[in-house]
Amino acid sequence: NRVEGIAVGAGVRRHLGHGVDLGLRARLGTADREVKGAVT
């Protein structure tokens, strides 16, 4: 996209049991050189 250029992302998700899960995703743009993401 025009803000990040080429952006590469990844994510992980772990089930903790009893219906609970924890997630993490992140993305880095080669043009803006900033990390974006979220923890859920």
PDB file of all heavy atoms in Angstrom:
ATOM      1  N   ASN A   1       0.842  -1.191   0.000  1.00  0.00           N
ATOM      2  CA  ASN A   1       0.000   0.000   0.000  1.00  0.00           C
ATOM      3  C   ASN A   1       0.879   1.242   0.000  1.00  0.00           C
ATOM      4  O   ASN A   1       2.096   1.153   0.157  1.00  0.00           O
ATOM      5  CB  ASN A   1      -0.961   0.001   1.195  1.00  0.00           C
ATOM      6  CG  ASN A   1      -0.243  -0.073   2.524  1.00  0.00           C
ATOM      7  OD1 ASN A   1       0.440   0.866   2.934  1.00  0.00           O
ATOM      8  ND2 ASN A   1      -0.371  -1.213   3.214  1.00  0.00           N
ATOM      9  N   ARG A   2       0.266   2.398  -0.188  1.00  0.00           N
ATOM     10  CA  ARG A   2       1.044   3.622  -0.363  1.00  0.00           C
ATOM     11  C   ARG A   2       1.672   4.136   0.925  1.00  0.00           C
ATOM     12  O   ARG A   2       2.578   4.965   0.877  1.00  0.00           O
ATOM     13  CB  ARG A   2       0.182   4.711  -0.989  1.00  0.00           C
ATOM     14  CG  ARG A   2      -1.032   5.157  -0.183  1.00  0.00           C
ATOM     15  CD  ARG A   2      -1.826   6.143  -1.033  1.00  0.00           C
ATOM     16  NE  ARG A   2      -2.987   6.704  -0.373  1.00  0.00           N
ATOM     17  CZ  ARG A   2      -4.199   6.166  -0.380  1.00  0.00           C
ATOM     18  NH1 ARG A   2      -4.374   4.997  -0.986  1.00  0.00           N
ATOM     19  NH2 ARG A   2      -5.215   6.766   0.201  1.00  0.00           N
ATOM     20  N   VAL A   3       1.227   3.676   2.055  1.00  0.00           N
ATOM     21  CA  VAL A   3       1.800   4.107   3.325  1.00  0.00           C
ATOM     22  C   VAL A   3       2.982   3.235   3.720  1.00  0.00           C
ATOM     23  O   VAL A   3       4.056   3.734   4.068  1.00  0.00           O
ATOM     24  CB  VAL A   3       0.734   4.085   4.438  1.00  0.00           C
ATOM     25  CG1 VAL A   3       1.359   4.465   5.774  1.00  0.00           C
ATOM     26  CG2 VAL A   3      -0.403   5.032   4.097  1.00  0.00           C
ATOM     27  N   GLU A   4       2.818   1.925   3.663  1.00  0.00           N
ATOM     28  CA  GLU A   4       3.840   0.990   4.138  1.00  0.00           C
ATOM     29  C   GLU A   4       4.786   0.494   3.065  1.00  0.00           C
ATOM     30  O   GLU A   4       5.850  -0.037   3.375  1.00  0.00           O
ATOM     31  CB  GLU A   4       3.173  -0.220   4.775  1.00  0.00           C
ATOM     32  CG  GLU A   4       2.284   0.092   5.963  1.00  0.00           C
ATOM     33  CD  GLU A   4       1.554  -1.143   6.442  1.00  0.00           C
ATOM     34  OE1 GLU A   4       0.612  -1.572   5.749  1.00  0.00           O
ATOM     35  OE2 GLU A   4       1.926  -1.683   7.500  1.00  0.00           O
ATOM     36  N   GLY A   5       4.410   0.625   1.788  1.00  0.00           N
ATOM     37  CA  GLY A   5       5.166  -0.052   0.746  1.00  0.00           C
ATOM     38  C   GLY A   5       4.851  -1.537   0.838  1.00  0.00           C
ATOM     39  O   GLY A   5       3.693  -1.936   0.941  1.00  0.00           O
ATOM     40  N   ILE A   6       5.859  -2.375   0.807  1.00  0.00           N
ATOM     41  CA  ILE A   6       5.658  -3.812   1.031  1.00  0.00           C
ATOM     42  C   ILE A   6       5.599  -4.050   2.536  1.00  0.00           C
ATOM     43  O   ILE A   6       6.518  -3.683   3.260  1.00  0.00           O
ATOM     44  CB  ILE A   6       6.799  -4.633   0.408  1.00  0.00           C
ATOM     45  CG1 ILE A   6       6.863  -4.397  -1.108  1.00  0.00           C
ATOM     46  CG2 ILE A   6       6.604  -6.118   0.704  1.00  0.00           C
ATOM     47  CD1 ILE A   6       8.032  -5.067  -1.778  1.00  0.00           C
ATOM     48  N   ALA A   7       4.509  -4.646   2.987  1.00  0.00           N
ATOM     49  CA  ALA A   7       4.324  -4.901   4.416  1.00  0.00           C
ATOM     50  C   ALA A   7       4.265  -6.401   4.663  1.00  0.00           C
ATOM     51  O   ALA A   7       3.506  -7.120   4.009  1.00  0.00           O
ATOM     52  CB  ALA A   7       3.047  -4.244   4.920  1.00  0.00           C
ATOM     53  N   VAL A   8       5.086  -6.862   5.584  1.00  0.00           N
ATOM     54  CA  VAL A   8       5.154  -8.294   5.927  1.00  0.00           C
ATOM     55  C   VAL A   8       4.588  -8.473   7.330  1.00  0.00           C
ATOM     56  O   VAL A   8       4.967  -7.751   8.267  1.00  0.00           O
ATOM     57  CB  VAL A   8       6.608  -8.801   5.875  1.00  0.00           C
ATOM     58  CG1 VAL A   8       6.668 -10.278   6.228  1.00  0.00           C
ATOM     59  CG2 VAL A   8       7.202  -8.561   4.484  1.00  0.00           C
ATOM     60  N   GLY A   9       3.685  -9.428   7.473  1.00  0.00           N
ATOM     61  CA  GLY A   9       3.050  -9.642   8.764  1.00  0.00           C
ATOM     62  C   GLY A   9       3.073 -11.091   9.202  1.00  0.00           C
ATOM     63  O   GLY A   9       3.368 -11.994   8.423  1.00  0.00           O
ATOM     64  N   ALA A  10       2.774 -11.308  10.454  1.00  0.00           N
ATOM     65  CA  ALA A  10       2.705 -12.652  11.016  1.00  0.00           C
ATOM     66  C   ALA A  10       1.833 -12.598  12.259  1.00  0.00           C
ATOM     67  O   ALA A  10       1.571 -11.523  12.811  1.00  0.00           O
ATOM     68  CB  ALA A  10       4.100 -13.179  11.365  1.00  0.00           C
ATOM     69  N   GLY A  11       1.398 -13.755  12.704  1.00  0.00           N
ATOM     70  CA  GLY A  11       0.571 -13.805  13.897  1.00  0.00           C
ATOM     71  C   GLY A  11       0.607 -15.174  14.543  1.00  0.00           C
ATOM     72  O   GLY A  11       0.916 -16.177  13.898  1.00  0.00           O
ATOM     73  N   VAL A  12       0.305 -15.208  15.818  1.00  0.00           N
ATOM     74  CA  VAL A  12       0.218 -16.463  16.552  1.00  0.00           C
ATOM     75  C   VAL A  12      -1.043 -16.402  17.410  1.00  0.00           C
ATOM     76  O   VAL A  12      -1.508 -15.324  17.816  1.00  0.00           O
ATOM     77  CB  VAL A  12       1.450 -16.698  17.458  1.00  0.00           C
ATOM     78  CG1 VAL A  12       2.691 -16.898  16.623  1.00  0.00           C
ATOM     79  CG2 VAL A  12       1.636 -15.552  18.439  1.00  0.00           C
ATOM     80  N   ARG A  13      -1.579 -17.582  17.679  1.00  0.00           N
ATOM     81  CA  ARG A  13      -2.769 -17.679  18.518  1.00  0.00           C
ATOM     82  C   ARG A  13      -2.652 -18.935  19.366  1.00  0.00           C
ATOM     83  O   ARG A  13      -2.352 -20.008  18.848  1.00  0.00           O
ATOM     84  CB  ARG A  13      -4.025 -17.742  17.645  1.00  0.00           C
ATOM     85  CG  ARG A  13      -5.332 -17.723  18.431  1.00  0.00           C
ATOM     86  CD  ARG A  13      -6.510 -17.737  17.488  1.00  0.00           C
ATOM     87  NE  ARG A  13      -7.770 -17.736  18.180  1.00  0.00           N
ATOM     88  CZ  ARG A  13      -8.947 -17.814  17.584  1.00  0.00           C
ATOM     89  NH1 ARG A  13      -8.997 -17.898  16.254  1.00  0.00           N
ATOM     90  NH2 ARG A  13     -10.062 -17.815  18.295  1.00  0.00           N
ATOM     91  N   ARG A  14      -2.875 -18.784  20.645  1.00  0.00           N
ATOM     92  CA  ARG A  14      -2.722 -19.915  21.562  1.00  0.00           C
ATOM     93  C   ARG A  14      -3.996 -20.091  22.381  1.00  0.00           C
ATOM     94  O   ARG A  14      -4.508 -19.146  22.990  1.00  0.00           O
ATOM     95  CB  ARG A  14      -1.535 -19.686  22.508  1.00  0.00           C
ATOM     96  CG  ARG A  14      -1.280 -20.851  23.444  1.00  0.00           C
ATOM     97  CD  ARG A  14      -0.038 -20.608  24.271  1.00  0.00           C
ATOM     98  NE  ARG A  14       0.238 -21.708  25.182  1.00  0.00           N
ATOM     99  CZ  ARG A  14       0.855 -22.827  24.852  1.00  0.00           C
ATOM    100  NH1 ARG A  14       1.265 -22.994  23.606  1.00  0.00           N
ATOM    101  NH2 ARG A  14       1.067 -23.788  25.738  1.00  0.00           N
ATOM    102  N   HIS A  15      -4.503 -21.315  22.372  1.00  0.00           N
ATOM    103  CA  HIS A  15      -5.676 -21.653  23.160  1.00  0.00           C
ATOM    104  C   HIS A  15      -5.221 -22.014  24.579  1.00  0.00           C
ATOM    105  O   HIS A  15      -4.404 -22.918  24.770  1.00  0.00           O
ATOM    106  CB  HIS A  15      -6.429 -22.819  22.524  1.00  0.00           C
ATOM    107  CG  HIS A  15      -6.980 -22.502  21.165  1.00  0.00           C
ATOM    108  ND1 HIS A  15      -8.136 -21.774  20.978  1.00  0.00           N
ATOM    109  CD2 HIS A  15      -6.515 -22.810  19.915  1.00  0.00           C
ATOM    110  CE1 HIS A  15      -8.366 -21.644  19.678  1.00  0.00           C
ATOM    111  NE2 HIS A  15      -7.398 -22.255  19.017  1.00  0.00           N
ATOM    112  N   LEU A  16      -5.778 -21.319  25.552  1.00  0.00           N
ATOM    113  CA  LEU A  16      -5.369 -21.512  26.938  1.00  0.00           C
ATOM    114  C   LEU A  16      -6.293 -22.459  27.697  1.00  0.00           C
ATOM    115  O   LEU A  16      -6.052 -22.747  28.860  1.00  0.00           O
ATOM    116  CB  LEU A  16      -5.329 -20.157  27.660  1.00  0.00           C
ATOM    117  CG  LEU A  16      -4.456 -19.086  26.992  1.00  0.00           C
ATOM    118  CD1 LEU A  16      -4.512 -17.788  27.793  1.00  0.00           C
ATOM    119  CD2 LEU A  16      -3.019 -19.564  26.844  1.00  0.00           C
ATOM    120  N   GLY A  17      -7.338 -22.937  27.030  1.00  0.00           N
ATOM    121  CA  GLY A  17      -8.275 -23.850  27.670  1.00  0.00           C
ATOM    122  C   GLY A  17      -9.502 -23.139  28.203  1.00  0.00           C
ATOM    123  O   GLY A  17      -9.488 -21.917  28.444  1.00  0.00           O
ATOM    124  N   HIS A  18     -10.592 -23.895  28.344  1.00  0.00           N
ATOM    125  CA  HIS A  18     -11.856 -23.364  28.866  1.00  0.00           C
ATOM    126  C   HIS A  18     -12.388 -22.218  28.008  1.00  0.00           C
ATOM    127  O   HIS A  18     -13.015 -21.277  28.518  1.00  0.00           O
ATOM    128  CB  HIS A  18     -11.701 -22.896  30.316  1.00  0.00           C
ATOM    129  CG  HIS A  18     -11.201 -23.951  31.248  1.00  0.00           C
ATOM    130  ND1 HIS A  18     -11.972 -25.018  31.660  1.00  0.00           N
ATOM    131  CD2 HIS A  18      -9.972 -24.124  31.822  1.00  0.00           C
ATOM    132  CE1 HIS A  18     -11.270 -25.796  32.469  1.00  0.00           C
ATOM    133  NE2 HIS A  18     -10.045 -25.280  32.575  1.00  0.00           N
ATOM    134  N   GLY A  19     -12.135 -22.283  26.686  1.00  0.00           N
ATOM    135  CA  GLY A  19     -12.643 -21.282  25.761  1.00  0.00           C
ATOM    136  C   GLY A  19     -11.835 -20.013  25.674  1.00  0.00           C
ATOM    137  O   GLY A  19     -12.231 -19.078  24.968  1.00  0.00           O
ATOM    138  N   VAL A  20     -10.727 -19.940  26.369  1.00  0.00           N
ATOM    139  CA  VAL A  20      -9.897 -18.728  26.392  1.00  0.00           C
ATOM    140  C   VAL A  20      -8.763 -18.854  25.383  1.00  0.00           C
ATOM    141  O   VAL A  20      -8.119 -19.909  25.292  1.00  0.00           O
ATOM    142  CB  VAL A  20      -9.326 -18.477  27.801  1.00  0.00           C
ATOM    143  CG1 VAL A  20      -8.439 -17.239  27.806  1.00  0.00           C
ATOM    144  CG2 VAL A  20     -10.451 -18.346  28.819  1.00  0.00           C
ATOM    145  N   ASP A  21      -8.517 -17.797  24.627  1.00  0.00           N
ATOM    146  CA  ASP A  21      -7.377 -17.804  23.701  1.00  0.00           C
ATOM    147  C   ASP A  21      -6.689 -16.449  23.720  1.00  0.00           C
ATOM    148  O   ASP A  21      -7.294 -15.413  24.006  1.00  0.00           O
ATOM    149  CB  ASP A  21      -7.807 -18.182  22.278  1.00  0.00           C
ATOM    150  CG  ASP A  21      -8.725 -17.160  21.655  1.00  0.00           C
ATOM    151  OD1 ASP A  21      -8.258 -16.087  21.257  1.00  0.00           O
ATOM    152  OD2 ASP A  21      -9.944 -17.428  21.571  1.00  0.00           O
ATOM    153  N   LEU A  22      -5.397 -16.485  23.402  1.00  0.00           N
ATOM    154  CA  LEU A  22      -4.549 -15.302  23.370  1.00  0.00           C
ATOM    155  C   LEU A  22      -3.945 -15.179  21.984  1.00  0.00           C
ATOM    156  O   LEU A  22      -3.425 -16.160  21.435  1.00  0.00           O
ATOM    157  CB  LEU A  22      -3.436 -15.417  24.422  1.00  0.00           C
ATOM    158  CG  LEU A  22      -2.447 -14.248  24.529  1.00  0.00           C
ATOM    159  CD1 LEU A  22      -3.157 -12.995  25.022  1.00  0.00           C
ATOM    160  CD2 LEU A  22      -1.301 -14.630  25.474  1.00  0.00           C
ATOM    161  N   GLY A  23      -4.029 -14.006  21.381  1.00  0.00           N
ATOM    162  CA  GLY A  23      -3.519 -13.812  20.035  1.00  0.00           C
ATOM    163  C   GLY A  23      -2.584 -12.621  19.935  1.00  0.00           C
ATOM    164  O   GLY A  23      -2.686 -11.660  20.701  1.00  0.00           O
ATOM    165  N   LEU A  24      -1.663 -12.700  18.994  1.00  0.00           N
ATOM    166  CA  LEU A  24      -0.723 -11.615  18.717  1.00  0.00           C
ATOM    167  C   LEU A  24      -0.489 -11.557  17.221  1.00  0.00           C
ATOM    168  O   LEU A  24      -0.210 -12.570  16.589  1.00  0.00           O
ATOM    169  CB  LEU A  24       0.609 -11.843  19.440  1.00  0.00           C
ATOM    170  CG  LEU A  24       1.758 -10.888  19.069  1.00  0.00           C
ATOM    171  CD1 LEU A  24       1.426  -9.465  19.497  1.00  0.00           C
ATOM    172  CD2 LEU A  24       3.070 -11.357  19.693  1.00  0.00           C
ATOM    173  N   ARG A  25      -0.646 -10.386  16.644  1.00  0.00           N
ATOM    174  CA  ARG A  25      -0.313 -10.194  15.226  1.00  0.00           C
ATOM    175  C   ARG A  25       0.478  -8.901  15.082  1.00  0.00           C
ATOM    176  O   ARG A  25       0.257  -7.939  15.807  1.00  0.00           O
ATOM    177  CB  ARG A  25      -1.568 -10.171  14.353  1.00  0.00           C
ATOM    178  CG  ARG A  25      -2.589  -9.124  14.732  1.00  0.00           C
ATOM    179  CD  ARG A  25      -3.795  -9.168  13.808  1.00  0.00           C
ATOM    180  NE  ARG A  25      -4.850  -8.263  14.249  1.00  0.00           N
ATOM    181  CZ  ARG A  25      -4.856  -6.960  14.001  1.00  0.00           C
ATOM    182  NH1 ARG A  25      -3.873  -6.413  13.292  1.00  0.00           N
ATOM    183  NH2 ARG A  25      -5.855  -6.202  14.446  1.00  0.00           N
ATOM    184  N   ALA A  26       1.404  -8.915  14.133  1.00  0.00           N
ATOM    185  CA  ALA A  26       2.258  -7.755  13.908  1.00  0.00           C
ATOM    186  C   ALA A  26       2.586  -7.644  12.431  1.00  0.00           C
ATOM    187  O   ALA A  26       2.567  -8.634  11.693  1.00  0.00           O
ATOM    188  CB  ALA A  26       3.539  -7.863  14.733  1.00  0.00           C
ATOM    189  N   ARG A  27       2.903  -6.424  11.983  1.00  0.00           N
ATOM    190  CA  ARG A  27       3.204  -6.166  10.579  1.00  0.00           C
ATOM    191  C   ARG A  27       4.221  -5.039  10.499  1.00  0.00           C
ATOM    192  O   ARG A  27       4.154  -4.066  11.254  1.00  0.00           O
ATOM    193  CB  ARG A  27       1.919  -5.773   9.842  1.00  0.00           C
ATOM    194  CG  ARG A  27       2.067  -5.675   8.326  1.00  0.00           C
ATOM    195  CD  ARG A  27       0.739  -5.343   7.667  1.00  0.00           C
ATOM    196  NE  ARG A  27       0.309  -3.972   7.934  1.00  0.00           N
ATOM    197  CZ  ARG A  27      -0.640  -3.638   8.787  1.00  0.00           C
ATOM    198  NH1 ARG A  27      -1.280  -4.568   9.482  1.00  0.00           N
ATOM    199  NH2 ARG A  27      -0.968  -2.355   8.966  1.00  0.00           N
ATOM    200  N   LEU A  28       5.182  -5.173   9.586  1.00  0.00           N
ATOM    201  CA  LEU A  28       6.226  -4.168   9.394  1.00  0.00           C
ATOM    202  C   LEU A  28       6.244  -3.727   7.954  1.00  0.00           C
ATOM    203  O   LEU A  28       6.308  -4.551   7.034  1.00  0.00           O
ATOM    204  CB  LEU A  28       7.599  -4.741   9.781  1.00  0.00           C
ATOM    205  CG  LEU A  28       8.803  -3.834   9.503  1.00  0.00           C
ATOM    206  CD1 LEU A  28       8.736  -2.573  10.368  1.00  0.00           C
ATOM    207  CD2 LEU A  28      10.108  -4.580   9.748  1.00  0.00           C
ATOM    208  N   GLY A  29       6.206  -2.409   7.737  1.00  0.00           N
ATOM    209  CA  GLY A  29       6.270  -1.865   6.395  1.00  0.00           C
ATOM    210  C   GLY A  29       7.691  -1.505   6.018  1.00  0.00           C
ATOM    211  O   GLY A  29       8.434  -0.946   6.829  1.00  0.00           O
ATOM    212  N   THR A  30       8.071  -1.810   4.784  1.00  0.00           N
ATOM    213  CA  THR A  30       9.436  -1.518   4.342  1.00  0.00           C
ATOM    214  C   THR A  30       9.629  -0.036   4.043  1.00  0.00           C
ATOM    215  O   THR A  30      10.756   0.463   4.044  1.00  0.00           O
ATOM    216  CB  THR A  30       9.773  -2.321   3.078  1.00  0.00           C
ATOM    217  OG1 THR A  30       8.813  -2.000   2.039  1.00  0.00           O
ATOM    218  CG2 THR A  30       9.730  -3.810   3.356  1.00  0.00           C
ATOM    219  N   ALA A  31       8.534   0.711   3.777  1.00  0.00           N
ATOM    220  CA  ALA A  31       8.649   2.135   3.451  1.00  0.00           C
ATOM    221  C   ALA A  31       8.516   3.018   4.688  1.00  0.00           C
ATOM    222  O   ALA A  31       9.288   3.960   4.867  1.00  0.00           O
ATOM    223  CB  ALA A  31       7.598   2.524   2.410  1.00  0.00           C
ATOM    224  N   ASP A  32       7.558   2.744   5.554  1.00  0.00           N
ATOM    225  CA  ASP A  32       7.392   3.594   6.739  1.00  0.00           C
ATOM    226  C   ASP A  32       8.215   3.111   7.926  1.00  0.00           C
ATOM    227  O   ASP A  32       8.388   3.839   8.906  1.00  0.00           O
ATOM    228  CB  ASP A  32       5.917   3.694   7.128  1.00  0.00           C
ATOM    229  CG  ASP A  32       5.334   2.363   7.575  1.00  0.00           C
ATOM    230  OD1 ASP A  32       5.987   1.321   7.409  1.00  0.00           O
ATOM    231  OD2 ASP A  32       4.206   2.375   8.101  1.00  0.00           O
ATOM    232  N   ARG A  33       8.697   1.862   7.856  1.00  0.00           N
ATOM    233  CA  ARG A  33       9.549   1.281   8.898  1.00  0.00           C
ATOM    234  C   ARG A  33       8.897   1.342  10.287  1.00  0.00           C
ATOM    235  O   ARG A  33       9.557   1.573  11.288  1.00  0.00           O
ATOM    236  CB  ARG A  33      10.920   1.972   8.924  1.00  0.00           C
ATOM    237  CG  ARG A  33      11.680   1.867   7.613  1.00  0.00           C
ATOM    238  CD  ARG A  33      13.024   2.538   7.685  1.00  0.00           C
ATOM    239  NE  ARG A  33      13.724   2.477   6.411  1.00  0.00           N
ATOM    240  CZ  ARG A  33      14.469   1.462   6.001  1.00  0.00           C
ATOM    241  NH1 ARG A  33      14.616   0.403   6.791  1.00  0.00           N
ATOM    242  NH2 ARG A  33      15.075   1.490   4.834  1.00  0.00           N
ATOM    243  N   GLU A  34       7.604   1.131  10.313  1.00  0.00           N
ATOM    244  CA  GLU A  34       6.876   1.128  11.581  1.00  0.00           C
ATOM    245  C   GLU A  34       6.190  -0.217  11.793  1.00  0.00           C
ATOM    246  O   GLU A  34       5.745  -0.856  10.837  1.00  0.00           O
ATOM    247  CB  GLU A  34       5.823   2.245  11.613  1.00  0.00           C
ATOM    248  CG  GLU A  34       6.412   3.642  11.678  1.00  0.00           C
ATOM    249  CD  GLU A  34       5.333   4.683  11.889  1.00  0.00           C
ATOM    250  OE1 GLU A  34       4.143   4.300  12.056  1.00  0.00           O
ATOM    251  OE2 GLU A  34       5.666   5.877  11.885  1.00  0.00           O
ATOM    252  N   VAL A  35       6.117  -0.625  13.056  1.00  0.00           N
ATOM    253  CA  VAL A  35       5.445  -1.871  13.422  1.00  0.00           C
ATOM    254  C   VAL A  35       4.009  -1.553  13.833  1.00  0.00           C
ATOM    255  O   VAL A  35       3.759  -0.619  14.592  1.00  0.00           O
ATOM    256  CB  VAL A  35       6.184  -2.583  14.575  1.00  0.00           C
ATOM    257  CG1 VAL A  35       5.420  -3.835  15.000  1.00  0.00           C
ATOM    258  CG2 VAL A  35       7.601  -2.939  14.154  1.00  0.00           C
ATOM    259  N   LYS A  36       3.071  -2.330  13.295  1.00  0.00           N
ATOM    260  CA  LYS A  36       1.669  -2.224  13.701  1.00  0.00           C
ATOM    261  C   LYS A  36       1.218  -3.597  14.171  1.00  0.00           C
ATOM    262  O   LYS A  36       1.812  -4.612  13.834  1.00  0.00           O
ATOM    263  CB  LYS A  36       0.757  -1.777  12.553  1.00  0.00           C
ATOM    264  CG  LYS A  36       1.214  -0.542  11.817  1.00  0.00           C
ATOM    265  CD  LYS A  36       2.056  -0.918  10.654  1.00  0.00           C
ATOM    266  CE  LYS A  36       2.687   0.307   9.992  1.00  0.00           C
ATOM    267  NZ  LYS A  36       3.718  -0.129   9.014  1.00  0.00           N
ATOM    268  N   GLY A  37       0.149  -3.610  14.929  1.00  0.00           N
ATOM    269  CA  GLY A  37      -0.339  -4.903  15.371  1.00  0.00           C
ATOM    270  C   GLY A  37      -1.273  -4.778  16.546  1.00  0.00           C
ATOM    271  O   GLY A  37      -1.698  -3.670  16.923  1.00  0.00           O
ATOM    272  N   ALA A  38      -1.607  -5.915  17.127  1.00  0.00           N
ATOM    273  CA  ALA A  38      -2.539  -5.929  18.247  1.00  0.00           C
ATOM    274  C   ALA A  38      -2.357  -7.200  19.059  1.00  0.00           C
ATOM    275  O   ALA A  38      -1.912  -8.241  18.547  1.00  0.00           O
ATOM    276  CB  ALA A  38      -3.981  -5.834  17.746  1.00  0.00           C
ATOM    277  N   VAL A  39      -2.716  -7.103  20.311  1.00  0.00           N
ATOM    278  CA  VAL A  39      -2.785  -8.251  21.215  1.00  0.00           C
ATOM    279  C   VAL A  39      -4.252  -8.453  21.566  1.00  0.00           C
ATOM    280  O   VAL A  39      -4.956  -7.483  21.892  1.00  0.00           O
ATOM    281  CB  VAL A  39      -1.965  -8.024  22.494  1.00  0.00           C
ATOM    282  CG1 VAL A  39      -2.113  -9.205  23.445  1.00  0.00           C
ATOM    283  CG2 VAL A  39      -0.501  -7.786  22.148  1.00  0.00           C
ATOM    284  N   THR A  40      -4.733  -9.693  21.470  1.00  0.00           N
ATOM    285  CA  THR A  40      -6.137  -9.972  21.761  1.00  0.00           C
ATOM    286  C   THR A  40      -6.243 -11.044  22.830  1.00  0.00           C
ATOM    287  O   THR A  40      -5.463 -11.991  22.869  1.00  0.00           O
ATOM    288  CB  THR A  40      -6.888 -10.452  20.508  1.00  0.00           C
ATOM    289  OG1 THR A  40      -6.287 -11.661  20.020  1.00  0.00           O
ATOM    290  CG2 THR A  40      -6.842  -9.392  19.415  1.00  0.00           C
TER     291      THR A  40
END
